[in-house]
Amino acid sequence: MPVPPAVEFVGSVFADSGYGEASRLYVTALLGAKVPVTIAAFRRGEFDDEIEGRYKVFGALVGRRDIEPKVRLINQTPAFDRNTAARLTAEFAGPVVQLTTWETNRLPTVCVKSCNTFDAVWVPTEWNRRALADSGVTKPIKVFPHPHGPAKYDVPKGYDEDQDAKYSFYWIGAWSERK
């Protein structure tokens, strides 16, 4: 079986955020598919020792020199700085693909311009694909679903589904236009 092309994954792999979790899951899925991976992590602020400790398995993949990446995958919001996007695209010999998601049906113009800087854009859903296309993204847009960790969705032992039960949901987070 031929070895898949090596990937440079650029993303917030060590961040304790949604994009951080998605980055770790994408890298794990690529490794599970036997894709050689090197990581270039975005560093927004200081790393905290707990996060580095929790995710240290990914540390060995940062800046690997034993592989030559043929594809650069960048997991970041569509609001990615266009100048940085242009630099990351220009300095890499192969295709540069943005992995992204968006919560509304319309992207701001600045986001469309940023997405159009990349060779292609991959999104997790058909709804996202339509939203980006309807907003004016002209680069190829492919649906590439988020991988997920199966243990996270296991039903707890002793769970007894009761159709008549009442449930309370507690949510902690900032109310914002984006969320």
C-alpha atoms as a PDB file:
ATOM      1  CA  MET A   1       0.000   0.000   0.000  1.00  0.00           C
ATOM      2  CA  PRO A   2       1.494   3.381  -0.988  1.00  0.00           C
ATOM      3  CA  VAL A   3       2.268   5.908   1.734  1.00  0.00           C
ATOM      4  CA  PRO A   4      -0.134   8.903   1.615  1.00  0.00           C
ATOM      5  CA  PRO A   5       1.437  12.316   1.015  1.00  0.00           C
ATOM      6  CA  ALA A   6       2.814  13.933   4.155  1.00  0.00           C
ATOM      7  CA  VAL A   7       0.826  16.784   5.692  1.00  0.00           C
ATOM      8  CA  GLU A   8       1.909  19.873   7.564  1.00  0.00           C
ATOM      9  CA  PHE A   9      -0.948  20.645   9.948  1.00  0.00           C
ATOM     10  CA  VAL A  10      -1.089  24.268  11.069  1.00  0.00           C
ATOM     11  CA  GLY A  11      -3.559  24.888  13.857  1.00  0.00           C
ATOM     12  CA  SER A  12      -4.207  25.593  17.492  1.00  0.00           C
ATOM     13  CA  VAL A  13      -3.337  22.035  18.494  1.00  0.00           C
ATOM     14  CA  PHE A  14      -2.411  23.011  22.052  1.00  0.00           C
ATOM     15  CA  ALA A  15      -5.259  25.471  22.623  1.00  0.00           C
ATOM     16  CA  ASP A  16      -8.036  24.641  25.040  1.00  0.00           C
ATOM     17  CA  SER A  17     -10.746  25.737  22.599  1.00  0.00           C
ATOM     18  CA  GLY A  18     -13.098  24.367  19.953  1.00  0.00           C
ATOM     19  CA  TYR A  19     -10.509  24.890  17.234  1.00  0.00           C
ATOM     20  CA  GLY A  20      -7.906  23.276  19.519  1.00  0.00           C
ATOM     21  CA  GLU A  21     -10.072  20.208  20.019  1.00  0.00           C
ATOM     22  CA  ALA A  22     -10.858  20.025  16.299  1.00  0.00           C
ATOM     23  CA  SER A  23      -7.131  20.334  15.494  1.00  0.00           C
ATOM     24  CA  ARG A  24      -6.243  17.457  17.806  1.00  0.00           C
ATOM     25  CA  LEU A  25      -9.011  15.301  16.341  1.00  0.00           C
ATOM     26  CA  TYR A  26      -7.945  16.063  12.747  1.00  0.00           C
ATOM     27  CA  VAL A  27      -4.316  15.195  13.538  1.00  0.00           C
ATOM     28  CA  THR A  28      -5.401  11.999  15.307  1.00  0.00           C
ATOM     29  CA  ALA A  29      -7.567  11.019  12.313  1.00  0.00           C
ATOM     30  CA  LEU A  30      -4.709  11.699   9.878  1.00  0.00           C
ATOM     31  CA  LEU A  31      -2.333   9.584  11.969  1.00  0.00           C
ATOM     32  CA  GLY A  32      -4.971   6.840  12.149  1.00  0.00           C
ATOM     33  CA  ALA A  33      -5.099   6.880   8.341  1.00  0.00           C
ATOM     34  CA  LYS A  34      -1.292   6.418   8.320  1.00  0.00           C
ATOM     35  CA  VAL A  35      -0.675   9.922   6.949  1.00  0.00           C
ATOM     36  CA  PRO A  36       2.743  11.271   7.963  1.00  0.00           C
ATOM     37  CA  VAL A  37       2.086  14.513   9.888  1.00  0.00           C
ATOM     38  CA  THR A  38       4.134  17.401  11.181  1.00  0.00           C
ATOM     39  CA  ILE A  39       2.537  20.167  13.254  1.00  0.00           C
ATOM     40  CA  ALA A  40       3.084  23.891  13.176  1.00  0.00           C
ATOM     41  CA  ALA A  41       1.023  25.216  16.093  1.00  0.00           C
ATOM     42  CA  PHE A  42      -0.388  28.712  16.370  1.00  0.00           C
ATOM     43  CA  ARG A  43       0.572  30.241  19.685  1.00  0.00           C
ATOM     44  CA  ARG A  44      -2.001  32.741  20.843  1.00  0.00           C
ATOM     45  CA  GLY A  45      -0.768  33.744  24.258  1.00  0.00           C
ATOM     46  CA  GLU A  46       1.265  31.613  26.583  1.00  0.00           C
ATOM     47  CA  PHE A  47       1.008  27.833  26.725  1.00  0.00           C
ATOM     48  CA  ASP A  48      -0.025  26.648  30.099  1.00  0.00           C
ATOM     49  CA  ASP A  49       1.769  23.655  31.599  1.00  0.00           C
ATOM     50  CA  GLU A  50      -1.456  21.713  32.081  1.00  0.00           C
ATOM     51  CA  ILE A  51      -2.352  21.973  28.382  1.00  0.00           C
ATOM     52  CA  GLU A  52       1.166  21.057  27.290  1.00  0.00           C
ATOM     53  CA  GLY A  53       1.062  18.097  29.675  1.00  0.00           C
ATOM     54  CA  ARG A  54      -2.373  16.955  28.584  1.00  0.00           C
ATOM     55  CA  TYR A  55      -1.543  17.137  24.902  1.00  0.00           C
ATOM     56  CA  LYS A  56       2.160  16.348  25.021  1.00  0.00           C
ATOM     57  CA  VAL A  57       1.665  13.368  22.692  1.00  0.00           C
ATOM     58  CA  PHE A  58       1.328  15.962  19.919  1.00  0.00           C
ATOM     59  CA  GLY A  59       4.568  17.690  20.945  1.00  0.00           C
ATOM     60  CA  ALA A  60       6.669  15.038  19.190  1.00  0.00           C
ATOM     61  CA  LEU A  61       4.983  15.959  15.903  1.00  0.00           C
ATOM     62  CA  VAL A  62       5.902  19.651  16.070  1.00  0.00           C
ATOM     63  CA  GLY A  63       8.473  20.617  13.462  1.00  0.00           C
ATOM     64  CA  ARG A  64       9.308  17.069  12.314  1.00  0.00           C
ATOM     65  CA  ARG A  65      12.256  17.063   9.940  1.00  0.00           C
ATOM     66  CA  ASP A  66      11.990  13.411   8.896  1.00  0.00           C
ATOM     67  CA  ILE A  67       9.138  14.026   6.444  1.00  0.00           C
ATOM     68  CA  GLU A  68       8.619  16.402   3.545  1.00  0.00           C
ATOM     69  CA  PRO A  69       5.036  17.709   3.623  1.00  0.00           C
ATOM     70  CA  LYS A  70       3.268  17.840   0.265  1.00  0.00           C
ATOM     71  CA  VAL A  71       0.060  19.466   1.593  1.00  0.00           C
ATOM     72  CA  ARG A  72      -0.414  22.202   4.198  1.00  0.00           C
ATOM     73  CA  LEU A  73      -3.700  22.073   6.143  1.00  0.00           C
ATOM     74  CA  ILE A  74      -4.551  25.195   8.136  1.00  0.00           C
ATOM     75  CA  ASN A  75      -7.318  24.861  10.734  1.00  0.00           C
ATOM     76  CA  GLN A  76      -8.446  28.400  11.495  1.00  0.00           C
ATOM     77  CA  THR A  77     -11.458  30.692  11.364  1.00  0.00           C
ATOM     78  CA  PRO A  78     -12.467  32.301   8.067  1.00  0.00           C
ATOM     79  CA  ALA A  79     -11.491  35.614   9.686  1.00  0.00           C
ATOM     80  CA  PHE A  80      -7.862  34.505   9.348  1.00  0.00           C
ATOM     81  CA  ASP A  81      -5.588  37.455   8.600  1.00  0.00           C
ATOM     82  CA  ARG A  82      -5.329  37.696   4.817  1.00  0.00           C
ATOM     83  CA  ASN A  83      -1.670  38.791   4.861  1.00  0.00           C
ATOM     84  CA  THR A  84      -0.722  35.805   7.008  1.00  0.00           C
ATOM     85  CA  ALA A  85      -2.809  33.535   4.762  1.00  0.00           C
ATOM     86  CA  ALA A  86      -1.024  34.906   1.678  1.00  0.00           C
ATOM     87  CA  ARG A  87       2.390  34.339   3.309  1.00  0.00           C
ATOM     88  CA  LEU A  88       1.522  30.781   4.394  1.00  0.00           C
ATOM     89  CA  THR A  89       0.335  30.026   0.867  1.00  0.00           C
ATOM     90  CA  ALA A  90       3.251  31.662  -0.983  1.00  0.00           C
ATOM     91  CA  GLU A  91       5.987  30.047   1.121  1.00  0.00           C
ATOM     92  CA  PHE A  92       4.729  26.484   0.609  1.00  0.00           C
ATOM     93  CA  ALA A  93       5.392  24.559  -2.608  1.00  0.00           C
ATOM     94  CA  GLY A  94       2.272  22.373  -2.499  1.00  0.00           C
ATOM     95  CA  PRO A  95      -1.431  23.046  -2.071  1.00  0.00           C
ATOM     96  CA  VAL A  96      -2.526  24.978   1.028  1.00  0.00           C
ATOM     97  CA  VAL A  97      -5.997  24.088   2.289  1.00  0.00           C
ATOM     98  CA  GLN A  98      -7.978  25.953   4.919  1.00  0.00           C
ATOM     99  CA  LEU A  99     -10.059  23.805   7.305  1.00  0.00           C
ATOM    100  CA  THR A 100     -12.728  26.045   8.761  1.00  0.00           C
ATOM    101  CA  THR A 101     -16.289  26.388   9.955  1.00  0.00           C
ATOM    102  CA  TRP A 102     -18.728  29.241  10.306  1.00  0.00           C
ATOM    103  CA  GLU A 103     -21.892  29.564  12.383  1.00  0.00           C
ATOM    104  CA  THR A 104     -24.007  31.881  10.211  1.00  0.00           C
ATOM    105  CA  ASN A 105     -25.251  31.740   6.628  1.00  0.00           C
ATOM    106  CA  ARG A 106     -23.115  34.702   5.488  1.00  0.00           C
ATOM    107  CA  LEU A 107     -19.413  35.495   5.769  1.00  0.00           C
ATOM    108  CA  PRO A 108     -18.157  39.071   6.046  1.00  0.00           C
ATOM    109  CA  THR A 109     -16.251  40.291   2.984  1.00  0.00           C
ATOM    110  CA  VAL A 110     -12.917  40.188   4.841  1.00  0.00           C
ATOM    111  CA  CYS A 111     -13.474  36.467   5.531  1.00  0.00           C
ATOM    112  CA  VAL A 112     -14.347  35.746   1.902  1.00  0.00           C
ATOM    113  CA  LYS A 113     -11.140  37.472   0.782  1.00  0.00           C
ATOM    114  CA  SER A 114      -9.125  35.429   3.278  1.00  0.00           C
ATOM    115  CA  CYS A 115     -10.721  32.120   2.160  1.00  0.00           C
ATOM    116  CA  ASN A 116     -10.005  32.979  -1.469  1.00  0.00           C
ATOM    117  CA  THR A 117      -6.291  33.264  -0.616  1.00  0.00           C
ATOM    118  CA  PHE A 118      -6.033  29.483  -0.132  1.00  0.00           C
ATOM    119  CA  ASP A 119      -5.940  26.809  -2.830  1.00  0.00           C
ATOM    120  CA  ALA A 120      -9.064  25.164  -1.384  1.00  0.00           C
ATOM    121  CA  VAL A 121     -11.339  25.351   1.652  1.00  0.00           C
ATOM    122  CA  TRP A 122     -12.625  22.313   3.556  1.00  0.00           C
ATOM    123  CA  VAL A 123     -15.659  22.639   5.802  1.00  0.00           C
ATOM    124  CA  PRO A 124     -17.410  20.114   8.081  1.00  0.00           C
ATOM    125  CA  THR A 125     -20.927  20.305   6.593  1.00  0.00           C
ATOM    126  CA  GLU A 126     -22.845  20.857   3.384  1.00  0.00           C
ATOM    127  CA  TRP A 127     -24.524  23.828   5.100  1.00  0.00           C
ATOM    128  CA  ASN A 128     -21.077  25.420   5.621  1.00  0.00           C
ATOM    129  CA  ARG A 129     -20.171  24.729   1.983  1.00  0.00           C
ATOM    130  CA  ARG A 130     -23.300  26.528   0.780  1.00  0.00           C
ATOM    131  CA  ALA A 131     -22.779  29.444   3.184  1.00  0.00           C
ATOM    132  CA  LEU A 132     -19.219  30.017   1.946  1.00  0.00           C
ATOM    133  CA  ALA A 133     -20.173  29.631  -1.723  1.00  0.00           C
ATOM    134  CA  ASP A 134     -23.193  31.949  -1.330  1.00  0.00           C
ATOM    135  CA  SER A 135     -20.914  34.497   0.351  1.00  0.00           C
ATOM    136  CA  GLY A 136     -18.530  34.571  -2.619  1.00  0.00           C
ATOM    137  CA  VAL A 137     -15.774  32.061  -1.852  1.00  0.00           C
ATOM    138  CA  THR A 138     -14.583  31.041  -5.318  1.00  0.00           C
ATOM    139  CA  LYS A 139     -11.909  28.496  -4.394  1.00  0.00           C
ATOM    140  CA  PRO A 140     -12.931  24.808  -4.357  1.00  0.00           C
ATOM    141  CA  ILE A 141     -14.967  24.075  -1.201  1.00  0.00           C
ATOM    142  CA  LYS A 142     -15.071  20.454  -0.048  1.00  0.00           C
ATOM    143  CA  VAL A 143     -17.039  18.899   2.783  1.00  0.00           C
ATOM    144  CA  PHE A 144     -14.665  17.140   5.185  1.00  0.00           C
ATOM    145  CA  PRO A 145     -16.596  16.264   8.373  1.00  0.00           C
ATOM    146  CA  HIS A 146     -15.051  16.873  11.781  1.00  0.00           C
ATOM    147  CA  PRO A 147     -13.637  13.668  13.192  1.00  0.00           C
ATOM    148  CA  HIS A 148     -14.713  12.907  16.741  1.00  0.00           C
ATOM    149  CA  GLY A 149     -13.511  10.809  19.612  1.00  0.00           C
ATOM    150  CA  PRO A 150     -15.957   7.930  20.088  1.00  0.00           C
ATOM    151  CA  ALA A 151     -15.444   7.683  23.857  1.00  0.00           C
ATOM    152  CA  LYS A 152     -16.776  11.201  24.234  1.00  0.00           C
ATOM    153  CA  TYR A 153     -20.210  10.092  23.060  1.00  0.00           C
ATOM    154  CA  ASP A 154     -20.510   6.790  24.933  1.00  0.00           C
ATOM    155  CA  VAL A 155     -23.714   6.391  26.942  1.00  0.00           C
ATOM    156  CA  PRO A 156     -22.841   6.305  30.649  1.00  0.00           C
ATOM    157  CA  LYS A 157     -23.260   2.980  32.452  1.00  0.00           C
ATOM    158  CA  GLY A 158     -26.550   2.751  34.285  1.00  0.00           C
ATOM    159  CA  TYR A 159     -28.211   5.256  31.980  1.00  0.00           C
ATOM    160  CA  ASP A 160     -31.898   4.478  31.701  1.00  0.00           C
ATOM    161  CA  GLU A 161     -33.565   6.367  28.890  1.00  0.00           C
ATOM    162  CA  ASP A 162     -36.857   7.678  30.183  1.00  0.00           C
ATOM    163  CA  GLN A 163     -38.961   9.300  27.475  1.00  0.00           C
ATOM    164  CA  ASP A 164     -41.180  11.018  30.057  1.00  0.00           C
ATOM    165  CA  ALA A 165     -38.375  12.450  32.182  1.00  0.00           C
ATOM    166  CA  LYS A 166     -37.771  16.181  32.397  1.00  0.00           C
ATOM    167  CA  TYR A 167     -34.256  17.402  31.777  1.00  0.00           C
ATOM    168  CA  SER A 168     -32.527  20.607  32.759  1.00  0.00           C
ATOM    169  CA  PHE A 169     -29.600  21.870  30.719  1.00  0.00           C
ATOM    170  CA  TYR A 170     -27.019  24.153  32.248  1.00  0.00           C
ATOM    171  CA  TRP A 171     -24.912  26.233  29.893  1.00  0.00           C
ATOM    172  CA  ILE A 172     -21.974  28.414  30.859  1.00  0.00           C
ATOM    173  CA  GLY A 173     -20.584  30.692  28.224  1.00  0.00           C
ATOM    174  CA  ALA A 174     -20.599  34.193  26.869  1.00  0.00           C
ATOM    175  CA  TRP A 175     -23.644  35.241  24.904  1.00  0.00           C
ATOM    176  CA  SER A 176     -22.280  36.710  21.734  1.00  0.00           C
ATOM    177  CA  GLU A 177     -23.470  37.411  18.229  1.00  0.00           C
ATOM    178  CA  ARG A 178     -21.127  34.693  16.920  1.00  0.00           C
ATOM    179  CA  LYS A 179     -22.394  32.025  19.370  1.00  0.00           C
END
